[in-house]
C-alpha atoms as a PDB file:
ATOM      1  CA  MET A   1     -24.103  -4.458  -6.016  1.00  0.00           C
ATOM      2  CA  ARG A   2     -26.871  -3.116  -3.776  1.00  0.00           C
ATOM      3  CA  GLY A   3     -26.357   0.070  -1.843  1.00  0.00           C
ATOM      4  CA  ASP A   4     -26.145  -1.571   1.657  1.00  0.00           C
ATOM      5  CA  GLU A   5     -23.509  -3.956   0.257  1.00  0.00           C
ATOM      6  CA  ARG A   6     -21.441  -1.147  -1.212  1.00  0.00           C
ATOM      7  CA  TYR A   7     -21.645   0.922   2.105  1.00  0.00           C
ATOM      8  CA  ARG A   8     -20.283  -2.107   4.045  1.00  0.00           C
ATOM      9  CA  GLU A   9     -17.478  -2.608   1.322  1.00  0.00           C
ATOM     10  CA  VAL A  10     -16.450   1.130   1.630  1.00  0.00           C
ATOM     11  CA  LYS A  11     -16.786   0.856   5.415  1.00  0.00           C
ATOM     12  CA  GLY A  12     -14.654  -2.233   5.675  1.00  0.00           C
ATOM     13  CA  TRP A  13     -11.947  -0.528   3.498  1.00  0.00           C
ATOM     14  CA  HIS A  14     -11.740   2.528   5.521  1.00  0.00           C
ATOM     15  CA  GLU A  15     -11.499   0.354   8.677  1.00  0.00           C
ATOM     16  CA  ARG A  16      -8.571  -1.586   7.136  1.00  0.00           C
ATOM     17  CA  ALA A  17      -6.687   1.594   6.797  1.00  0.00           C
ATOM     18  CA  GLN A  18      -7.337   2.278  10.534  1.00  0.00           C
ATOM     19  CA  CYS A  19      -7.262   5.904  10.869  1.00  0.00           C
ATOM     20  CA  THR A  20     -10.073   8.342  11.540  1.00  0.00           C
ATOM     21  CA  TYR A  21      -9.875  10.692   8.447  1.00  0.00           C
ATOM     22  CA  LEU A  22      -7.810   9.542   5.409  1.00  0.00           C
ATOM     23  CA  THR A  23      -7.284  12.848   3.929  1.00  0.00           C
ATOM     24  CA  GLY A  24      -7.085  15.364   6.439  1.00  0.00           C
ATOM     25  CA  SER A  25      -4.657  14.653   9.446  1.00  0.00           C
ATOM     26  CA  PHE A  26      -0.986  15.661  10.064  1.00  0.00           C
ATOM     27  CA  ARG A  27       1.135  12.549  10.096  1.00  0.00           C
ATOM     28  CA  LEU A  28       4.840  11.648  10.753  1.00  0.00           C
ATOM     29  CA  TYR A  29       6.673   9.077   9.117  1.00  0.00           C
ATOM     30  CA  LYS A  30      10.096   7.462   9.646  1.00  0.00           C
ATOM     31  CA  ARG A  31      12.377   8.067   6.813  1.00  0.00           C
ATOM     32  CA  GLU A  32      12.525   4.360   5.855  1.00  0.00           C
ATOM     33  CA  VAL A  33       8.774   4.051   6.161  1.00  0.00           C
ATOM     34  CA  LEU A  34       8.194   7.140   3.974  1.00  0.00           C
ATOM     35  CA  GLY A  35      10.609   5.797   1.429  1.00  0.00           C
ATOM     36  CA  ALA A  36       8.949   2.343   1.141  1.00  0.00           C
ATOM     37  CA  LEU A  37       5.452   3.871   1.119  1.00  0.00           C
ATOM     38  CA  VAL A  38       6.364   6.443  -1.694  1.00  0.00           C
ATOM     39  CA  GLN A  39       7.700   3.788  -3.765  1.00  0.00           C
ATOM     40  CA  ALA A  40       4.727   1.581  -3.526  1.00  0.00           C
ATOM     41  CA  CYS A  41       2.257   4.247  -4.078  1.00  0.00           C
ATOM     42  CA  VAL A  42       1.022   4.976  -7.710  1.00  0.00           C
ATOM     43  CA  SER A  43      -1.746   7.450  -6.999  1.00  0.00           C
ATOM     44  CA  LYS A  44      -1.624  11.046  -7.721  1.00  0.00           C
ATOM     45  CA  GLY A  45      -3.546  13.976  -6.202  1.00  0.00           C
ATOM     46  CA  TYR A  46      -5.977  13.693  -3.451  1.00  0.00           C
ATOM     47  CA  VAL A  47      -6.139   9.864  -3.274  1.00  0.00           C
ATOM     48  CA  PHE A  48      -2.261   9.634  -2.703  1.00  0.00           C
ATOM     49  CA  GLN A  49      -3.055  10.356   1.071  1.00  0.00           C
ATOM     50  CA  MET A  50      -5.334   7.379   1.266  1.00  0.00           C
ATOM     51  CA  GLU A  51      -3.228   5.011  -0.663  1.00  0.00           C
ATOM     52  CA  MET A  52      -0.423   5.953   1.769  1.00  0.00           C
ATOM     53  CA  MET A  53      -2.534   4.751   4.755  1.00  0.00           C
ATOM     54  CA  VAL A  54      -3.676   1.677   3.125  1.00  0.00           C
ATOM     55  CA  ARG A  55      -0.208   0.620   2.017  1.00  0.00           C
ATOM     56  CA  ALA A  56       1.105   1.517   5.521  1.00  0.00           C
ATOM     57  CA  ARG A  57      -1.672  -0.953   7.156  1.00  0.00           C
ATOM     58  CA  GLN A  58      -0.626  -3.632   4.581  1.00  0.00           C
ATOM     59  CA  ASN A  59       3.066  -3.414   5.719  1.00  0.00           C
ATOM     60  CA  SER A  60       1.913  -3.437   9.374  1.00  0.00           C
ATOM     61  CA  PHE A  61       3.627   0.086  10.025  1.00  0.00           C
ATOM     62  CA  THR A  62       2.229   2.046  12.793  1.00  0.00           C
ATOM     63  CA  ILE A  63       0.039   4.779  12.017  1.00  0.00           C
ATOM     64  CA  GLY A  64      -0.224   8.008  14.206  1.00  0.00           C
ATOM     65  CA  GLU A  65      -2.144  11.104  13.460  1.00  0.00           C
ATOM     66  CA  VAL A  66      -2.785  14.384  14.797  1.00  0.00           C
ATOM     67  CA  PRO A  67      -6.192  15.784  13.675  1.00  0.00           C
ATOM     68  CA  ILE A  68      -6.455  19.156  12.276  1.00  0.00           C
ATOM     69  CA  THR A  69      -9.150  21.863  12.076  1.00  0.00           C
ATOM     70  CA  PHE A  70     -10.188  23.181   8.651  1.00  0.00           C
ATOM     71  CA  VAL A  71     -11.023  26.851   8.702  1.00  0.00           C
ATOM     72  CA  ASP A  72     -13.197  28.174   5.947  1.00  0.00           C
ATOM     73  CA  ARG A  73     -11.362  30.264   3.607  1.00  0.00           C
ATOM     74  CA  PHE A  74     -11.761  33.953   3.467  1.00  0.00           C
ATOM     75  CA  TYR A  75     -10.014  34.515   0.157  1.00  0.00           C
ATOM     76  CA  GLY A  76      -9.756  32.531  -3.102  1.00  0.00           C
ATOM     77  CA  GLU A  77     -11.537  29.445  -4.425  1.00  0.00           C
ATOM     78  CA  SER A  78     -11.184  25.922  -4.085  1.00  0.00           C
ATOM     79  CA  LYS A  79      -9.371  24.062  -6.929  1.00  0.00           C
ATOM     80  CA  PHE A  80     -11.324  20.958  -6.384  1.00  0.00           C
ATOM     81  CA  GLY A  81     -13.338  20.691  -9.619  1.00  0.00           C
ATOM     82  CA  ALA A  82     -14.728  18.109 -11.868  1.00  0.00           C
ATOM     83  CA  HIS A  83     -11.252  16.880 -12.920  1.00  0.00           C
ATOM     84  CA  GLU A  84     -10.187  16.390  -9.518  1.00  0.00           C
ATOM     85  CA  ILE A  85     -13.312  14.716  -8.570  1.00  0.00           C
ATOM     86  CA  SER A  86     -12.991  12.164 -11.446  1.00  0.00           C
ATOM     87  CA  GLY A  87      -9.196  11.470 -10.540  1.00  0.00           C
ATOM     88  CA  PHE A  88     -10.349  10.912  -7.054  1.00  0.00           C
ATOM     89  CA  VAL A  89     -13.041   8.476  -7.821  1.00  0.00           C
ATOM     90  CA  LYS A  90     -10.725   6.623 -10.429  1.00  0.00           C
ATOM     91  CA  GLY A  91      -8.083   6.400  -7.616  1.00  0.00           C
ATOM     92  CA  LEU A  92     -10.564   4.853  -5.179  1.00  0.00           C
ATOM     93  CA  LEU A  93     -11.653   2.436  -7.626  1.00  0.00           C
ATOM     94  CA  TYR A  94      -8.128   1.452  -8.321  1.00  0.00           C
ATOM     95  CA  LEU A  95      -7.540   1.126  -4.481  1.00  0.00           C
ATOM     96  CA  PHE A  96     -10.634  -1.123  -4.125  1.00  0.00           C
ATOM     97  CA  ALA A  97      -9.509  -3.344  -6.889  1.00  0.00           C
ATOM     98  CA  THR A  98      -5.936  -3.736  -5.738  1.00  0.00           C
ATOM     99  CA  THR A  99      -5.942  -3.921  -1.827  1.00  0.00           C
END
């Protein structure tokens, strides 16, 4: 697959989720909706939030989001390393294949 085709595929998948930022917004769920989504989701780690949005859209649930602002950390280090990146990519590939 050429680069422009892959870009369109990724862009289309993101638009199907219909939210502005898949991993960094504050969201509220009705109890029943949250229960249904958690049961349907199989992802772990960072990709879990993306799967929640995709599954919500597949089930025609309303998605509302409140954007948040990330502030650079003063202390500590990110835990996002090679292992997390590998899991994230595997999770995205799974979502592409199953949605």
